[in-house]
Amino acid sequence: MSSVQVITDAEFETEVLKADKPVLAYFWASWCGPCRLMAPIVDGLAEAYGDRIKVVKLEVDPNPEAVNQCQVEGVPALRLFKQGTLVESREGAINKQKLEAIVNPHL
């Protein structure tokens, strides 16, 4: 069983781009209401899919390099990487079913 890993700009390349399995990067901010709604959904996905996908979260304000690299324009934002390549991109709050629909084709 796995859980969400909090990372920073310094860890982005190693933890996301060089990961050996798909990585869902969740970008959030403490001042973002919809991010608070998404957090338990992202946590649940990490628990349920932990053996097949790595889930990381980055707070946008202290991590401008990853935000810029992933072209995050609003939060909450999700970026799905497979073998270092961005394969899915979504901004705004979504429900569990939509999140699973984004992730499942890439597992």
PDB file of N, CA and C in Angstrom:
ATOM      1  N   MET A   1       0.844  -1.176   0.000  1.00  0.00           N
ATOM      2  CA  MET A   1       0.000   0.000   0.000  1.00  0.00           C
ATOM      3  C   MET A   1       0.887   1.235   0.000  1.00  0.00           C
ATOM      4  N   SER A   2       0.480   2.204  -0.768  1.00  0.00           N
ATOM      5  CA  SER A   2       1.300   3.401  -0.923  1.00  0.00           C
ATOM      6  C   SER A   2       0.464   4.621  -0.562  1.00  0.00           C
ATOM      7  N   SER A   3       1.131   5.734  -0.388  1.00  0.00           N
ATOM      8  CA  SER A   3       0.407   6.967  -0.142  1.00  0.00           C
ATOM      9  C   SER A   3       1.057   8.084  -0.945  1.00  0.00           C
ATOM     10  N   VAL A   4       0.456   9.244  -0.869  1.00  0.00           N
ATOM     11  CA  VAL A   4       0.944  10.392  -1.623  1.00  0.00           C
ATOM     12  C   VAL A   4       2.285  10.854  -1.045  1.00  0.00           C
ATOM     13  N   GLN A   5       3.231  11.105  -1.927  1.00  0.00           N
ATOM     14  CA  GLN A   5       4.558  11.572  -1.533  1.00  0.00           C
ATOM     15  C   GLN A   5       4.643  13.068  -1.825  1.00  0.00           C
ATOM     16  N   VAL A   6       4.997  13.854  -0.824  1.00  0.00           N
ATOM     17  CA  VAL A   6       5.171  15.291  -1.010  1.00  0.00           C
ATOM     18  C   VAL A   6       6.581  15.526  -1.532  1.00  0.00           C
ATOM     19  N   ILE A   7       6.688  16.218  -2.675  1.00  0.00           N
ATOM     20  CA  ILE A   7       8.012  16.491  -3.252  1.00  0.00           C
ATOM     21  C   ILE A   7       8.157  17.982  -3.543  1.00  0.00           C
ATOM     22  N   THR A   8       9.395  18.365  -3.907  1.00  0.00           N
ATOM     23  CA  THR A   8       9.715  19.753  -4.226  1.00  0.00           C
ATOM     24  C   THR A   8      10.339  19.825  -5.618  1.00  0.00           C
ATOM     25  N   ASP A   9      10.611  21.036  -6.070  1.00  0.00           N
ATOM     26  CA  ASP A   9      11.294  21.238  -7.344  1.00  0.00           C
ATOM     27  C   ASP A   9      12.556  20.382  -7.447  1.00  0.00           C
ATOM     28  N   ALA A  10      13.329  20.340  -6.360  1.00  0.00           N
ATOM     29  CA  ALA A  10      14.608  19.629  -6.368  1.00  0.00           C
ATOM     30  C   ALA A  10      14.442  18.134  -6.625  1.00  0.00           C
ATOM     31  N   GLU A  11      13.296  17.575  -6.254  1.00  0.00           N
ATOM     32  CA  GLU A  11      13.060  16.132  -6.399  1.00  0.00           C
ATOM     33  C   GLU A  11      12.257  15.778  -7.645  1.00  0.00           C
ATOM     34  N   PHE A  12      11.764  16.780  -8.367  1.00  0.00           N
ATOM     35  CA  PHE A  12      10.835  16.534  -9.475  1.00  0.00           C
ATOM     36  C   PHE A  12      11.420  15.614 -10.545  1.00  0.00           C
ATOM     37  N   GLU A  13      12.635  15.894 -10.980  1.00  0.00           N
ATOM     38  CA  GLU A  13      13.230  15.074 -12.049  1.00  0.00           C
ATOM     39  C   GLU A  13      13.378  13.616 -11.608  1.00  0.00           C
ATOM     40  N   THR A  14      13.933  13.398 -10.422  1.00  0.00           N
ATOM     41  CA  THR A  14      14.157  12.039  -9.930  1.00  0.00           C
ATOM     42  C   THR A  14      12.849  11.304  -9.656  1.00  0.00           C
ATOM     43  N   GLU A  15      11.936  11.945  -8.945  1.00  0.00           N
ATOM     44  CA  GLU A  15      10.715  11.283  -8.500  1.00  0.00           C
ATOM     45  C   GLU A  15       9.643  11.159  -9.583  1.00  0.00           C
ATOM     46  N   VAL A  16       9.638  12.059 -10.562  1.00  0.00           N
ATOM     47  CA  VAL A  16       8.591  12.059 -11.587  1.00  0.00           C
ATOM     48  C   VAL A  16       9.141  11.630 -12.944  1.00  0.00           C
ATOM     49  N   LEU A  17      10.104  12.365 -13.450  1.00  0.00           N
ATOM     50  CA  LEU A  17      10.580  12.113 -14.811  1.00  0.00           C
ATOM     51  C   LEU A  17      11.388  10.825 -14.949  1.00  0.00           C
ATOM     52  N   LYS A  18      12.050  10.395 -13.882  1.00  0.00           N
ATOM     53  CA  LYS A  18      12.864   9.178 -13.944  1.00  0.00           C
ATOM     54  C   LYS A  18      12.228   7.997 -13.220  1.00  0.00           C
ATOM     55  N   ALA A  19      10.963   8.104 -12.888  1.00  0.00           N
ATOM     56  CA  ALA A  19      10.274   7.028 -12.166  1.00  0.00           C
ATOM     57  C   ALA A  19      10.103   5.805 -13.061  1.00  0.00           C
ATOM     58  N   ASP A  20      10.061   4.633 -12.430  1.00  0.00           N
ATOM     59  CA  ASP A  20       9.941   3.390 -13.181  1.00  0.00           C
ATOM     60  C   ASP A  20       8.491   2.950 -13.396  1.00  0.00           C
ATOM     61  N   LYS A  21       7.532   3.754 -12.928  1.00  0.00           N
ATOM     62  CA  LYS A  21       6.119   3.480 -13.209  1.00  0.00           C
ATOM     63  C   LYS A  21       5.409   4.812 -13.432  1.00  0.00           C
ATOM     64  N   PRO A  22       4.183   4.799 -13.938  1.00  0.00           N
ATOM     65  CA  PRO A  22       3.480   6.073 -14.162  1.00  0.00           C
ATOM     66  C   PRO A  22       3.415   6.906 -12.872  1.00  0.00           C
ATOM     67  N   VAL A  23       3.445   8.224 -13.053  1.00  0.00           N
ATOM     68  CA  VAL A  23       3.409   9.146 -11.909  1.00  0.00           C
ATOM     69  C   VAL A  23       2.298  10.161 -12.115  1.00  0.00           C
ATOM     70  N   LEU A  24       1.427  10.285 -11.121  1.00  0.00           N
ATOM     71  CA  LEU A  24       0.418  11.332 -11.108  1.00  0.00           C
ATOM     72  C   LEU A  24       0.935  12.441 -10.212  1.00  0.00           C
ATOM     73  N   ALA A  25       1.163  13.608 -10.802  1.00  0.00           N
ATOM     74  CA  ALA A  25       1.615  14.773 -10.038  1.00  0.00           C
ATOM     75  C   ALA A  25       0.407  15.667  -9.774  1.00  0.00           C
ATOM     76  N   TYR A  26       0.145  15.918  -8.508  1.00  0.00           N
ATOM     77  CA  TYR A  26      -0.989  16.735  -8.073  1.00  0.00           C
ATOM     78  C   TYR A  26      -0.441  18.069  -7.573  1.00  0.00           C
ATOM     79  N   PHE A  27      -0.818  19.141  -8.264  1.00  0.00           N
ATOM     80  CA  PHE A  27      -0.384  20.495  -7.888  1.00  0.00           C
ATOM     81  C   PHE A  27      -1.507  21.158  -7.111  1.00  0.00           C
ATOM     82  N   TRP A  28      -1.174  21.749  -5.975  1.00  0.00           N
ATOM     83  CA  TRP A  28      -2.194  22.323  -5.104  1.00  0.00           C
ATOM     84  C   TRP A  28      -1.651  23.583  -4.418  1.00  0.00           C
ATOM     85  N   ALA A  29      -2.545  24.269  -3.712  1.00  0.00           N
ATOM     86  CA  ALA A  29      -2.155  25.448  -2.924  1.00  0.00           C
ATOM     87  C   ALA A  29      -2.985  25.480  -1.650  1.00  0.00           C
ATOM     88  N   SER A  30      -2.389  25.959  -0.592  1.00  0.00           N
ATOM     89  CA  SER A  30      -3.078  26.000   0.706  1.00  0.00           C
ATOM     90  C   SER A  30      -4.284  26.931   0.682  1.00  0.00           C
ATOM     91  N   TRP A  31      -4.257  27.942  -0.185  1.00  0.00           N
ATOM     92  CA  TRP A  31      -5.346  28.921  -0.270  1.00  0.00           C
ATOM     93  C   TRP A  31      -6.447  28.487  -1.238  1.00  0.00           C
ATOM     94  N   CYS A  32      -6.341  27.307  -1.819  1.00  0.00           N
ATOM     95  CA  CYS A  32      -7.257  26.847  -2.867  1.00  0.00           C
ATOM     96  C   CYS A  32      -8.353  25.947  -2.301  1.00  0.00           C
ATOM     97  N   GLY A  33      -9.584  26.439  -2.312  1.00  0.00           N
ATOM     98  CA  GLY A  33     -10.720  25.654  -1.824  1.00  0.00           C
ATOM     99  C   GLY A  33     -10.929  24.346  -2.573  1.00  0.00           C
ATOM    100  N   PRO A  34     -10.982  24.376  -3.918  1.00  0.00           N
ATOM    101  CA  PRO A  34     -11.158  23.124  -4.663  1.00  0.00           C
ATOM    102  C   PRO A  34     -10.032  22.109  -4.413  1.00  0.00           C
ATOM    103  N   CYS A  35      -8.851  22.586  -4.055  1.00  0.00           N
ATOM    104  CA  CYS A  35      -7.746  21.665  -3.742  1.00  0.00           C
ATOM    105  C   CYS A  35      -8.081  20.835  -2.504  1.00  0.00           C
ATOM    106  N   ARG A  36      -8.762  21.459  -1.535  1.00  0.00           N
ATOM    107  CA  ARG A  36      -9.155  20.732  -0.330  1.00  0.00           C
ATOM    108  C   ARG A  36     -10.172  19.643  -0.663  1.00  0.00           C
ATOM    109  N   LEU A  37     -10.988  19.878  -1.691  1.00  0.00           N
ATOM    110  CA  LEU A  37     -11.947  18.861  -2.128  1.00  0.00           C
ATOM    111  C   LEU A  37     -11.239  17.710  -2.850  1.00  0.00           C
ATOM    112  N   MET A  38     -10.195  18.029  -3.590  1.00  0.00           N
ATOM    113  CA  MET A  38      -9.471  17.024  -4.372  1.00  0.00           C
ATOM    114  C   MET A  38      -8.535  16.159  -3.526  1.00  0.00           C
ATOM    115  N   ALA A  39      -8.025  16.698  -2.437  1.00  0.00           N
ATOM    116  CA  ALA A  39      -7.010  15.993  -1.645  1.00  0.00           C
ATOM    117  C   ALA A  39      -7.439  14.578  -1.250  1.00  0.00           C
ATOM    118  N   PRO A  40      -8.650  14.373  -0.695  1.00  0.00           N
ATOM    119  CA  PRO A  40      -9.016  12.999  -0.322  1.00  0.00           C
ATOM    120  C   PRO A  40      -9.190  12.079  -1.529  1.00  0.00           C
ATOM    121  N   ILE A  41      -9.564  12.627  -2.673  1.00  0.00           N
ATOM    122  CA  ILE A  41      -9.711  11.822  -3.889  1.00  0.00           C
ATOM    123  C   ILE A  41      -8.342  11.348  -4.362  1.00  0.00           C
ATOM    124  N   VAL A  42      -7.371  12.261  -4.362  1.00  0.00           N
ATOM    125  CA  VAL A  42      -6.004  11.919  -4.760  1.00  0.00           C
ATOM    126  C   VAL A  42      -5.403  10.924  -3.761  1.00  0.00           C
ATOM    127  N   ASP A  43      -5.629  11.146  -2.460  1.00  0.00           N
ATOM    128  CA  ASP A  43      -5.139  10.221  -1.439  1.00  0.00           C
ATOM    129  C   ASP A  43      -5.734   8.830  -1.637  1.00  0.00           C
ATOM    130  N   GLY A  44      -7.029   8.774  -1.939  1.00  0.00           N
ATOM    131  CA  GLY A  44      -7.701   7.493  -2.162  1.00  0.00           C
ATOM    132  C   GLY A  44      -7.138   6.754  -3.360  1.00  0.00           C
ATOM    133  N   LEU A  45      -6.836   7.498  -4.426  1.00  0.00           N
ATOM    134  CA  LEU A  45      -6.239   6.879  -5.608  1.00  0.00           C
ATOM    135  C   LEU A  45      -4.859   6.317  -5.263  1.00  0.00           C
ATOM    136  N   ALA A  46      -4.084   7.057  -4.493  1.00  0.00           N
ATOM    137  CA  ALA A  46      -2.749   6.591  -4.100  1.00  0.00           C
ATOM    138  C   ALA A  46      -2.847   5.295  -3.307  1.00  0.00           C
ATOM    139  N   GLU A  47      -3.831   5.203  -2.431  1.00  0.00           N
ATOM    140  CA  GLU A  47      -4.009   3.987  -1.632  1.00  0.00           C
ATOM    141  C   GLU A  47      -4.460   2.814  -2.501  1.00  0.00           C
ATOM    142  N   ALA A  48      -5.423   3.051  -3.387  1.00  0.00           N
ATOM    143  CA  ALA A  48      -5.997   1.979  -4.195  1.00  0.00           C
ATOM    144  C   ALA A  48      -5.075   1.507  -5.310  1.00  0.00           C
ATOM    145  N   TYR A  49      -4.298   2.423  -5.884  1.00  0.00           N
ATOM    146  CA  TYR A  49      -3.477   2.114  -7.050  1.00  0.00           C
ATOM    147  C   TYR A  49      -1.981   2.114  -6.734  1.00  0.00           C
ATOM    148  N   GLY A  50      -1.624   2.154  -5.462  1.00  0.00           N
ATOM    149  CA  GLY A  50      -0.236   2.338  -5.044  1.00  0.00           C
ATOM    150  C   GLY A  50       0.773   1.386  -5.641  1.00  0.00           C
ATOM    151  N   ASP A  51       0.351   0.176  -5.988  1.00  0.00           N
ATOM    152  CA  ASP A  51       1.299  -0.778  -6.559  1.00  0.00           C
ATOM    153  C   ASP A  51       1.528  -0.540  -8.047  1.00  0.00           C
ATOM    154  N   ARG A  52       0.641   0.253  -8.685  1.00  0.00           N
ATOM    155  CA  ARG A  52       0.730   0.455 -10.132  1.00  0.00           C
ATOM    156  C   ARG A  52       1.093   1.875 -10.547  1.00  0.00           C
ATOM    157  N   ILE A  53       0.957   2.815  -9.627  1.00  0.00           N
ATOM    158  CA  ILE A  53       1.222   4.216  -9.955  1.00  0.00           C
ATOM    159  C   ILE A  53       1.802   4.918  -8.730  1.00  0.00           C
ATOM    160  N   LYS A  54       2.662   5.875  -8.987  1.00  0.00           N
ATOM    161  CA  LYS A  54       3.214   6.707  -7.916  1.00  0.00           C
ATOM    162  C   LYS A  54       2.439   8.016  -7.933  1.00  0.00           C
ATOM    163  N   VAL A  55       2.032   8.481  -6.766  1.00  0.00           N
ATOM    164  CA  VAL A  55       1.307   9.748  -6.667  1.00  0.00           C
ATOM    165  C   VAL A  55       2.142  10.711  -5.838  1.00  0.00           C
ATOM    166  N   VAL A  56       2.409  11.879  -6.431  1.00  0.00           N
ATOM    167  CA  VAL A  56       3.177  12.908  -5.732  1.00  0.00           C
ATOM    168  C   VAL A  56       2.368  14.197  -5.699  1.00  0.00           C
ATOM    169  N   LYS A  57       2.636  15.006  -4.704  1.00  0.00           N
ATOM    170  CA  LYS A  57       1.977  16.312  -4.681  1.00  0.00           C
ATOM    171  C   LYS A  57       2.999  17.403  -4.451  1.00  0.00           C
ATOM    172  N   LEU A  58       2.744  18.516  -5.133  1.00  0.00           N
ATOM    173  CA  LEU A  58       3.613  19.681  -5.042  1.00  0.00           C
ATOM    174  C   LEU A  58       2.765  20.905  -4.753  1.00  0.00           C
ATOM    175  N   GLU A  59       3.162  21.650  -3.749  1.00  0.00           N
ATOM    176  CA  GLU A  59       2.494  22.924  -3.485  1.00  0.00           C
ATOM    177  C   GLU A  59       3.049  23.926  -4.491  1.00  0.00           C
ATOM    178  N   VAL A  60       2.158  24.655  -5.168  1.00  0.00           N
ATOM    179  CA  VAL A  60       2.595  25.492  -6.291  1.00  0.00           C
ATOM    180  C   VAL A  60       3.493  26.655  -5.885  1.00  0.00           C
ATOM    181  N   ASP A  61       3.175  27.350  -4.804  1.00  0.00           N
ATOM    182  CA  ASP A  61       3.916  28.562  -4.459  1.00  0.00           C
ATOM    183  C   ASP A  61       5.410  28.323  -4.203  1.00  0.00           C
ATOM    184  N   PRO A  62       5.805  27.295  -3.434  1.00  0.00           N
ATOM    185  CA  PRO A  62       7.243  27.099  -3.210  1.00  0.00           C
ATOM    186  C   PRO A  62       7.963  26.296  -4.303  1.00  0.00           C
ATOM    187  N   ASN A  63       7.248  25.883  -5.348  1.00  0.00           N
ATOM    188  CA  ASN A  63       7.852  25.039  -6.388  1.00  0.00           C
ATOM    189  C   ASN A  63       7.623  25.592  -7.798  1.00  0.00           C
ATOM    190  N   PRO A  64       8.125  26.816  -8.069  1.00  0.00           N
ATOM    191  CA  PRO A  64       7.843  27.454  -9.357  1.00  0.00           C
ATOM    192  C   PRO A  64       8.456  26.738 -10.563  1.00  0.00           C
ATOM    193  N   GLU A  65       9.564  26.011 -10.373  1.00  0.00           N
ATOM    194  CA  GLU A  65      10.196  25.334 -11.515  1.00  0.00           C
ATOM    195  C   GLU A  65       9.302  24.226 -12.063  1.00  0.00           C
ATOM    196  N   ALA A  66       8.781  23.360 -11.189  1.00  0.00           N
ATOM    197  CA  ALA A  66       7.899  22.277 -11.628  1.00  0.00           C
ATOM    198  C   ALA A  66       6.601  22.842 -12.194  1.00  0.00           C
ATOM    199  N   VAL A  67       6.083  23.899 -11.576  1.00  0.00           N
ATOM    200  CA  VAL A  67       4.866  24.542 -12.060  1.00  0.00           C
ATOM    201  C   VAL A  67       5.071  25.049 -13.485  1.00  0.00           C
ATOM    202  N   ASN A  68       6.205  25.692 -13.719  1.00  0.00           N
ATOM    203  CA  ASN A  68       6.528  26.210 -15.047  1.00  0.00           C
ATOM    204  C   ASN A  68       6.750  25.070 -16.046  1.00  0.00           C
ATOM    205  N   GLN A  69       7.500  24.085 -15.643  1.00  0.00           N
ATOM    206  CA  GLN A  69       7.806  22.949 -16.522  1.00  0.00           C
ATOM    207  C   GLN A  69       6.534  22.210 -16.940  1.00  0.00           C
ATOM    208  N   CYS A  70       5.570  22.111 -16.039  1.00  0.00           N
ATOM    209  CA  CYS A  70       4.319  21.394 -16.315  1.00  0.00           C
ATOM    210  C   CYS A  70       3.220  22.316 -16.832  1.00  0.00           C
ATOM    211  N   GLN A  71       3.557  23.594 -17.004  1.00  0.00           N
ATOM    212  CA  GLN A  71       2.627  24.589 -17.516  1.00  0.00           C
ATOM    213  C   GLN A  71       1.319  24.621 -16.718  1.00  0.00           C
ATOM    214  N   VAL A  72       1.447  24.620 -15.402  1.00  0.00           N
ATOM    215  CA  VAL A  72       0.285  24.700 -14.518  1.00  0.00           C
ATOM    216  C   VAL A  72      -0.196  26.142 -14.501  1.00  0.00           C
ATOM    217  N   GLU A  73      -1.447  26.337 -14.886  1.00  0.00           N
ATOM    218  CA  GLU A  73      -2.014  27.688 -14.916  1.00  0.00           C
ATOM    219  C   GLU A  73      -3.050  27.911 -13.838  1.00  0.00           C
ATOM    220  N   GLY A  74      -3.559  26.835 -13.258  1.00  0.00           N
ATOM    221  CA  GLY A  74      -4.535  26.943 -12.190  1.00  0.00           C
ATOM    222  C   GLY A  74      -4.474  25.709 -11.321  1.00  0.00           C
ATOM    223  N   VAL A  75      -4.981  25.827 -10.118  1.00  0.00           N
ATOM    224  CA  VAL A  75      -4.997  24.679  -9.204  1.00  0.00           C
ATOM    225  C   VAL A  75      -6.430  24.392  -8.768  1.00  0.00           C
ATOM    226  N   PRO A  76      -6.739  23.161  -8.449  1.00  0.00           N
ATOM    227  CA  PRO A  76      -5.860  21.995  -8.488  1.00  0.00           C
ATOM    228  C   PRO A  76      -5.524  21.596  -9.927  1.00  0.00           C
ATOM    229  N   ALA A  77      -4.336  21.034 -10.100  1.00  0.00           N
ATOM    230  CA  ALA A  77      -3.909  20.570 -11.421  1.00  0.00           C
ATOM    231  C   ALA A  77      -3.329  19.174 -11.298  1.00  0.00           C
ATOM    232  N   LEU A  78      -3.591  18.364 -12.302  1.00  0.00           N
ATOM    233  CA  LEU A  78      -3.078  16.999 -12.346  1.00  0.00           C
ATOM    234  C   LEU A  78      -2.262  16.826 -13.614  1.00  0.00           C
ATOM    235  N   ARG A  79      -1.102  16.197 -13.470  1.00  0.00           N
ATOM    236  CA  ARG A  79      -0.264  15.877 -14.614  1.00  0.00           C
ATOM    237  C   ARG A  79       0.133  14.406 -14.475  1.00  0.00           C
ATOM    238  N   LEU A  80      -0.148  13.631 -15.514  1.00  0.00           N
ATOM    239  CA  LEU A  80       0.198  12.217 -15.495  1.00  0.00           C
ATOM    240  C   LEU A  80       1.380  11.975 -16.424  1.00  0.00           C
ATOM    241  N   PHE A  81       2.431  11.407 -15.864  1.00  0.00           N
ATOM    242  CA  PHE A  81       3.655  11.126 -16.616  1.00  0.00           C
ATOM    243  C   PHE A  81       3.845   9.625 -16.749  1.00  0.00           C
ATOM    244  N   LYS A  82       4.302   9.210 -17.912  1.00  0.00           N
ATOM    245  CA  LYS A  82       4.637   7.812 -18.142  1.00  0.00           C
ATOM    246  C   LYS A  82       5.992   7.785 -18.830  1.00  0.00           C
ATOM    247  N   GLN A  83       6.974   7.135 -18.201  1.00  0.00           N
ATOM    248  CA  GLN A  83       8.342   7.070 -18.704  1.00  0.00           C
ATOM    249  C   GLN A  83       8.894   8.475 -18.998  1.00  0.00           C
ATOM    250  N   GLY A  84       8.599   9.412 -18.105  1.00  0.00           N
ATOM    251  CA  GLY A  84       9.115  10.766 -18.216  1.00  0.00           C
ATOM    252  C   GLY A  84       8.381  11.675 -19.177  1.00  0.00           C
ATOM    253  N   THR A  85       7.333  11.170 -19.823  1.00  0.00           N
ATOM    254  CA  THR A  85       6.578  11.955 -20.801  1.00  0.00           C
ATOM    255  C   THR A  85       5.203  12.297 -20.249  1.00  0.00           C
ATOM    256  N   LEU A  86       4.804  13.544 -20.431  1.00  0.00           N
ATOM    257  CA  LEU A  86       3.476  13.975 -20.011  1.00  0.00           C
ATOM    258  C   LEU A  86       2.433  13.349 -20.936  1.00  0.00           C
ATOM    259  N   VAL A  87       1.517  12.543 -20.368  1.00  0.00           N
ATOM    260  CA  VAL A  87       0.510  11.862 -21.189  1.00  0.00           C
ATOM    261  C   VAL A  87      -0.913  12.367 -20.937  1.00  0.00           C
ATOM    262  N   GLU A  88      -1.143  12.987 -19.788  1.00  0.00           N
ATOM    263  CA  GLU A  88      -2.460  13.551 -19.479  1.00  0.00           C
ATOM    264  C   GLU A  88      -2.270  14.827 -18.673  1.00  0.00           C
ATOM    265  N   SER A  89      -3.176  15.778 -18.888  1.00  0.00           N
ATOM    266  CA  SER A  89      -3.103  17.052 -18.192  1.00  0.00           C
ATOM    267  C   SER A  89      -4.514  17.528 -17.900  1.00  0.00           C
ATOM    268  N   ARG A  90      -4.776  17.905 -16.654  1.00  0.00           N
ATOM    269  CA  ARG A  90      -6.120  18.345 -16.280  1.00  0.00           C
ATOM    270  C   ARG A  90      -6.005  19.414 -15.213  1.00  0.00           C
ATOM    271  N   GLU A  91      -6.814  20.447 -15.320  1.00  0.00           N
ATOM    272  CA  GLU A  91      -6.865  21.473 -14.273  1.00  0.00           C
ATOM    273  C   GLU A  91      -8.301  21.604 -13.786  1.00  0.00           C
ATOM    274  N   GLY A  92      -8.445  21.910 -12.521  1.00  0.00           N
ATOM    275  CA  GLY A  92      -9.762  22.026 -11.915  1.00  0.00           C
ATOM    276  C   GLY A  92     -10.116  20.758 -11.150  1.00  0.00           C
ATOM    277  N   ALA A  93     -11.056  20.894 -10.241  1.00  0.00           N
ATOM    278  CA  ALA A  93     -11.478  19.763  -9.415  1.00  0.00           C
ATOM    279  C   ALA A  93     -12.280  18.766 -10.247  1.00  0.00           C
ATOM    280  N   ILE A  94     -12.009  17.483 -10.026  1.00  0.00           N
ATOM    281  CA  ILE A  94     -12.765  16.418 -10.688  1.00  0.00           C
ATOM    282  C   ILE A  94     -13.122  15.360  -9.653  1.00  0.00           C
ATOM    283  N   ASN A  95     -14.093  14.514  -9.987  1.00  0.00           N
ATOM    284  CA  ASN A  95     -14.484  13.480  -9.033  1.00  0.00           C
ATOM    285  C   ASN A  95     -13.628  12.224  -9.202  1.00  0.00           C
ATOM    286  N   LYS A  96     -13.836  11.265  -8.325  1.00  0.00           N
ATOM    287  CA  LYS A  96     -13.044  10.033  -8.313  1.00  0.00           C
ATOM    288  C   LYS A  96     -13.154   9.280  -9.636  1.00  0.00           C
ATOM    289  N   GLN A  97     -14.357   9.193 -10.184  1.00  0.00           N
ATOM    290  CA  GLN A  97     -14.559   8.451 -11.430  1.00  0.00           C
ATOM    291  C   GLN A  97     -13.786   9.079 -12.591  1.00  0.00           C
ATOM    292  N   LYS A  98     -13.800  10.405 -12.675  1.00  0.00           N
ATOM    293  CA  LYS A  98     -13.058  11.077 -13.746  1.00  0.00           C
ATOM    294  C   LYS A  98     -11.556  10.891 -13.566  1.00  0.00           C
ATOM    295  N   LEU A  99     -11.088  10.930 -12.325  1.00  0.00           N
ATOM    296  CA  LEU A  99      -9.666  10.722 -12.060  1.00  0.00           C
ATOM    297  C   LEU A  99      -9.258   9.307 -12.471  1.00  0.00           C
ATOM    298  N   GLU A 100     -10.071   8.328 -12.123  1.00  0.00           N
ATOM    299  CA  GLU A 100      -9.775   6.943 -12.506  1.00  0.00           C
ATOM    300  C   GLU A 100      -9.798   6.789 -14.022  1.00  0.00           C
ATOM    301  N   ALA A 101     -10.714   7.483 -14.700  1.00  0.00           N
ATOM    302  CA  ALA A 101     -10.791   7.419 -16.165  1.00  0.00           C
ATOM    303  C   ALA A 101      -9.551   8.011 -16.829  1.00  0.00           C
ATOM    304  N   ILE A 102      -8.926   8.979 -16.180  1.00  0.00           N
ATOM    305  CA  ILE A 102      -7.686   9.580 -16.700  1.00  0.00           C
ATOM    306  C   ILE A 102      -6.521   8.617 -16.511  1.00  0.00           C
ATOM    307  N   VAL A 103      -6.465   7.987 -15.339  1.00  0.00           N
ATOM    308  CA  VAL A 103      -5.317   7.158 -14.960  1.00  0.00           C
ATOM    309  C   VAL A 103      -5.359   5.765 -15.589  1.00  0.00           C
ATOM    310  N   ASN A 104      -6.505   5.108 -15.559  1.00  0.00           N
ATOM    311  CA  ASN A 104      -6.604   3.697 -15.956  1.00  0.00           C
ATOM    312  C   ASN A 104      -6.005   3.348 -17.316  1.00  0.00           C
ATOM    313  N   PRO A 105      -6.224   4.147 -18.382  1.00  0.00           N
ATOM    314  CA  PRO A 105      -5.654   3.757 -19.690  1.00  0.00           C
ATOM    315  C   PRO A 105      -4.121   3.698 -19.710  1.00  0.00           C
ATOM    316  N   HIS A 106      -3.480   4.286 -18.714  1.00  0.00           N
ATOM    317  CA  HIS A 106      -2.013   4.380 -18.721  1.00  0.00           C
ATOM    318  C   HIS A 106      -1.342   3.400 -17.768  1.00  0.00           C
ATOM    319  N   LEU A 107      -2.132   2.546 -17.155  1.00  0.00           N
ATOM    320  CA  LEU A 107      -1.551   1.579 -16.196  1.00  0.00           C
ATOM    321  C   LEU A 107      -1.171   0.288 -16.897  1.00  0.00           C
TER     322      LEU A 107
END
